[in-house]
C-alpha atoms as a PDB file:
ATOM      1  CA  GLU A   1     -76.372   9.601  -7.082  1.00  0.00           C
ATOM      2  CA  VAL A   2     -77.927   7.390  -9.650  1.00  0.00           C
ATOM      3  CA  ARG A   3     -79.451   5.171  -6.572  1.00  0.00           C
ATOM      4  CA  GLY A   4     -80.687   8.295  -4.589  1.00  0.00           C
ATOM      5  CA  THR A   5     -82.513   9.386  -7.495  1.00  0.00           C
ATOM      6  CA  THR A   6     -83.950   6.051  -8.560  1.00  0.00           C
ATOM      7  CA  MET A   7     -85.069   5.608  -4.826  1.00  0.00           C
ATOM      8  CA  ALA A   8     -86.541   8.943  -4.548  1.00  0.00           C
ATOM      9  CA  LEU A   9     -88.645   8.107  -7.687  1.00  0.00           C
ATOM     10  CA  LEU A  10     -89.834   5.021  -6.222  1.00  0.00           C
ATOM     11  CA  ILE A  11     -90.956   6.659  -3.152  1.00  0.00           C
ATOM     12  CA  VAL A  12     -92.851   9.350  -4.891  1.00  0.00           C
ATOM     13  CA  VAL A  13     -94.507   6.549  -7.317  1.00  0.00           C
ATOM     14  CA  SER A  14     -95.245   4.287  -4.136  1.00  0.00           C
ATOM     15  CA  ASN A  15     -96.829   7.189  -2.239  1.00  0.00           C
ATOM     16  CA  LEU A  16     -99.203   8.230  -5.547  1.00  0.00           C
ATOM     17  CA  GLY A  17    -100.090   4.686  -5.817  1.00  0.00           C
ATOM     18  CA  LYS A  18    -101.129   4.534  -2.160  1.00  0.00           C
ATOM     19  CA  GLY A  19    -103.647   7.697  -2.742  1.00  0.00           C
ATOM     20  CA  ILE A  20    -104.760   7.114  -6.076  1.00  0.00           C
ATOM     21  CA  GLY A  21    -104.748   3.123  -5.988  1.00  0.00           C
ATOM     22  CA  PRO A  22    -108.222   2.657  -4.073  1.00  0.00           C
ATOM     23  CA  TRP A  23    -110.022   5.248  -5.996  1.00  0.00           C
ATOM     24  CA  LEU A  24    -108.699   3.541  -9.179  1.00  0.00           C
ATOM     25  CA  ALA A  25    -109.692   0.107  -8.040  1.00  0.00           C
ATOM     26  CA  ALA A  26    -113.061   1.322  -6.898  1.00  0.00           C
ATOM     27  CA  THR A  27    -113.825   2.995 -10.270  1.00  0.00           C
ATOM     28  CA  MET A  28    -112.372  -0.258 -12.269  1.00  0.00           C
ATOM     29  CA  ILE A  29    -114.577  -2.432 -10.033  1.00  0.00           C
ATOM     30  CA  GLY A  30    -117.510  -0.267 -10.691  1.00  0.00           C
ATOM     31  CA  ASP A  31    -117.095  -0.147 -14.568  1.00  0.00           C
ATOM     32  CA  LEU A  32    -115.563  -3.590 -15.112  1.00  0.00           C
ATOM     33  CA  GLY A  33    -116.451  -5.916 -12.516  1.00  0.00           C
ATOM     34  CA  ARG A  34    -114.251  -7.553  -9.676  1.00  0.00           C
ATOM     35  CA  PHE A  35    -112.791 -10.200 -11.876  1.00  0.00           C
ATOM     36  CA  PRO A  36    -111.417  -8.104 -14.695  1.00  0.00           C
ATOM     37  CA  SER A  37    -110.126  -5.574 -12.276  1.00  0.00           C
ATOM     38  CA  PHE A  38    -108.485  -8.010  -9.981  1.00  0.00           C
ATOM     39  CA  ASN A  39    -106.576  -9.645 -13.362  1.00  0.00           C
ATOM     40  CA  ILE A  40    -105.654  -5.829 -14.360  1.00  0.00           C
ATOM     41  CA  ALA A  41    -103.989  -5.293 -10.848  1.00  0.00           C
ATOM     42  CA  VAL A  42    -102.091  -8.326 -10.840  1.00  0.00           C
ATOM     43  CA  GLY A  43    -100.874  -7.431 -14.180  1.00  0.00           C
ATOM     44  CA  PHE A  44     -99.568  -4.202 -13.190  1.00  0.00           C
ATOM     45  CA  PHE A  45     -98.201  -5.709  -9.844  1.00  0.00           C
ATOM     46  CA  VAL A  46     -96.185  -8.164 -12.006  1.00  0.00           C
ATOM     47  CA  ILE A  47     -94.850  -5.400 -14.340  1.00  0.00           C
ATOM     48  CA  SER A  48     -93.663  -3.013 -11.401  1.00  0.00           C
ATOM     49  CA  CYS A  49     -91.929  -5.990  -9.990  1.00  0.00           C
ATOM     50  CA  VAL A  50     -89.482  -6.143 -12.767  1.00  0.00           C
ATOM     51  CA  PRO A  51     -87.431  -2.999 -11.501  1.00  0.00           C
ATOM     52  CA  TYR A  52     -87.047  -4.786  -7.928  1.00  0.00           C
ATOM     53  CA  PHE A  53     -85.585  -8.128  -9.406  1.00  0.00           C
ATOM     54  CA  ALA A  54     -83.215  -6.044 -11.840  1.00  0.00           C
ATOM     55  CA  ALA A  55     -81.827  -3.955  -8.555  1.00  0.00           C
ATOM     56  CA  ILE A  56     -81.422  -7.307  -7.034  1.00  0.00           C
ATOM     57  CA  CYS A  57     -79.472  -8.845  -9.888  1.00  0.00           C
ATOM     58  CA  GLN A  58     -77.134  -5.495  -9.806  1.00  0.00           C
ATOM     59  CA  LEU A  59     -76.697  -5.461  -6.015  1.00  0.00           C
ATOM     60  CA  GLY A  60     -73.777  -7.457  -5.711  1.00  0.00           C
ATOM     61  CA  ARG A  61     -71.869  -5.827  -8.506  1.00  0.00           C
ATOM     62  CA  ASP A  62     -72.787  -2.310  -6.882  1.00  0.00           C
ATOM     63  CA  VAL A  63     -71.533  -3.485  -3.198  1.00  0.00           C
ATOM     64  CA  ARG A  64     -68.026  -4.945  -4.745  1.00  0.00           C
ATOM     65  CA  ARG A  65     -67.670  -1.537  -6.750  1.00  0.00           C
ATOM     66  CA  GLN A  66     -68.379   0.625  -3.749  1.00  0.00           C
ATOM     67  CA  ALA A  67     -65.821  -1.508  -1.553  1.00  0.00           C
ATOM     68  CA  MET A  68     -63.336  -1.144  -4.279  1.00  0.00           C
ATOM     69  CA  ALA A  69     -63.837   2.763  -4.203  1.00  0.00           C
ATOM     70  CA  VAL A  70     -63.785   2.949  -0.532  1.00  0.00           C
ATOM     71  CA  GLU A  71     -60.373   1.208  -0.565  1.00  0.00           C
ATOM     72  CA  ALA A  72     -58.863   3.380  -3.240  1.00  0.00           C
ATOM     73  CA  ILE A  73     -59.708   6.470  -1.252  1.00  0.00           C
ATOM     74  CA  VAL A  74     -58.385   5.145   1.876  1.00  0.00           C
ATOM     75  CA  LYS A  75     -55.172   4.103  -0.018  1.00  0.00           C
ATOM     76  CA  VAL A  76     -54.962   7.646  -1.572  1.00  0.00           C
ATOM     77  CA  LYS A  77     -55.401   9.192   1.834  1.00  0.00           C
ATOM     78  CA  LYS A  78     -53.043   6.735   3.291  1.00  0.00           C
ATOM     79  CA  GLU A  79     -50.139   7.583   0.678  1.00  0.00           C
ATOM     80  CA  GLY A  80     -50.982  11.541   1.125  1.00  0.00           C
ATOM     81  CA  THR A  81     -49.885  11.492   4.649  1.00  0.00           C
ATOM     82  CA  ARG A  82     -46.422  10.302   3.549  1.00  0.00           C
ATOM     83  CA  LYS A  83     -45.557  13.561   1.509  1.00  0.00           C
ATOM     84  CA  GLN A  84     -46.059  11.760  -1.657  1.00  0.00           C
ATOM     85  CA  PRO A  85     -47.658  13.095  -4.864  1.00  0.00           C
ATOM     86  CA  LEU A  86     -51.228  13.900  -4.447  1.00  0.00           C
ATOM     87  CA  LYS A  87     -53.654  11.632  -6.447  1.00  0.00           C
ATOM     88  CA  LYS A  88     -57.118  11.910  -7.562  1.00  0.00           C
ATOM     89  CA  VAL A  89     -59.915   9.145  -7.658  1.00  0.00           C
ATOM     90  CA  THR A  90     -62.156   9.126 -10.303  1.00  0.00           C
ATOM     91  CA  ILE A  91     -65.082   6.535  -9.751  1.00  0.00           C
ATOM     92  CA  SER A  92     -67.510   5.970 -12.672  1.00  0.00           C
ATOM     93  CA  MET A  93     -70.118   3.263 -13.573  1.00  0.00           C
ATOM     94  CA  ASN A  94     -67.472   0.653 -14.679  1.00  0.00           C
ATOM     95  CA  GLU A  95     -64.091   1.544 -13.293  1.00  0.00           C
ATOM     96  CA  ILE A  96     -62.344   3.234 -10.451  1.00  0.00           C
ATOM     97  CA  ILE A  97     -59.215   5.465 -11.710  1.00  0.00           C
ATOM     98  CA  VAL A  98     -56.688   6.759  -9.525  1.00  0.00           C
ATOM     99  CA  GLU A  99     -54.410   9.625 -11.103  1.00  0.00           C
ATOM    100  CA  THR A 100     -51.339  11.328  -9.884  1.00  0.00           C
ATOM    101  CA  VAL A 101     -52.062  15.130  -9.721  1.00  0.00           C
ATOM    102  CA  GLU A 102     -49.225  17.753 -10.255  1.00  0.00           C
ATOM    103  CA  PRO A 103     -48.915  20.154  -7.699  1.00  0.00           C
END
């Protein structure tokens, strides 16, 4: 859920940048000149790289958590076919909880 929302926001901001960027660059060059405009653009580019690097740092942990969640769900489904008590799988940001559910 969180990843999808983040990616949707990223796409919206990226598309806004494609539309507004050329107009803003032309306005800045006209008002400030080329050199200061270039410095400002590079500064904003560096700032925009921070979320990408943060995502890269979290990617390994996120993949491991997803793999554990899938393994837990598969295990619960296999156990459910053997007429054992029903189990509920709860996946949060930090843990995966498998609980027995009373019928």
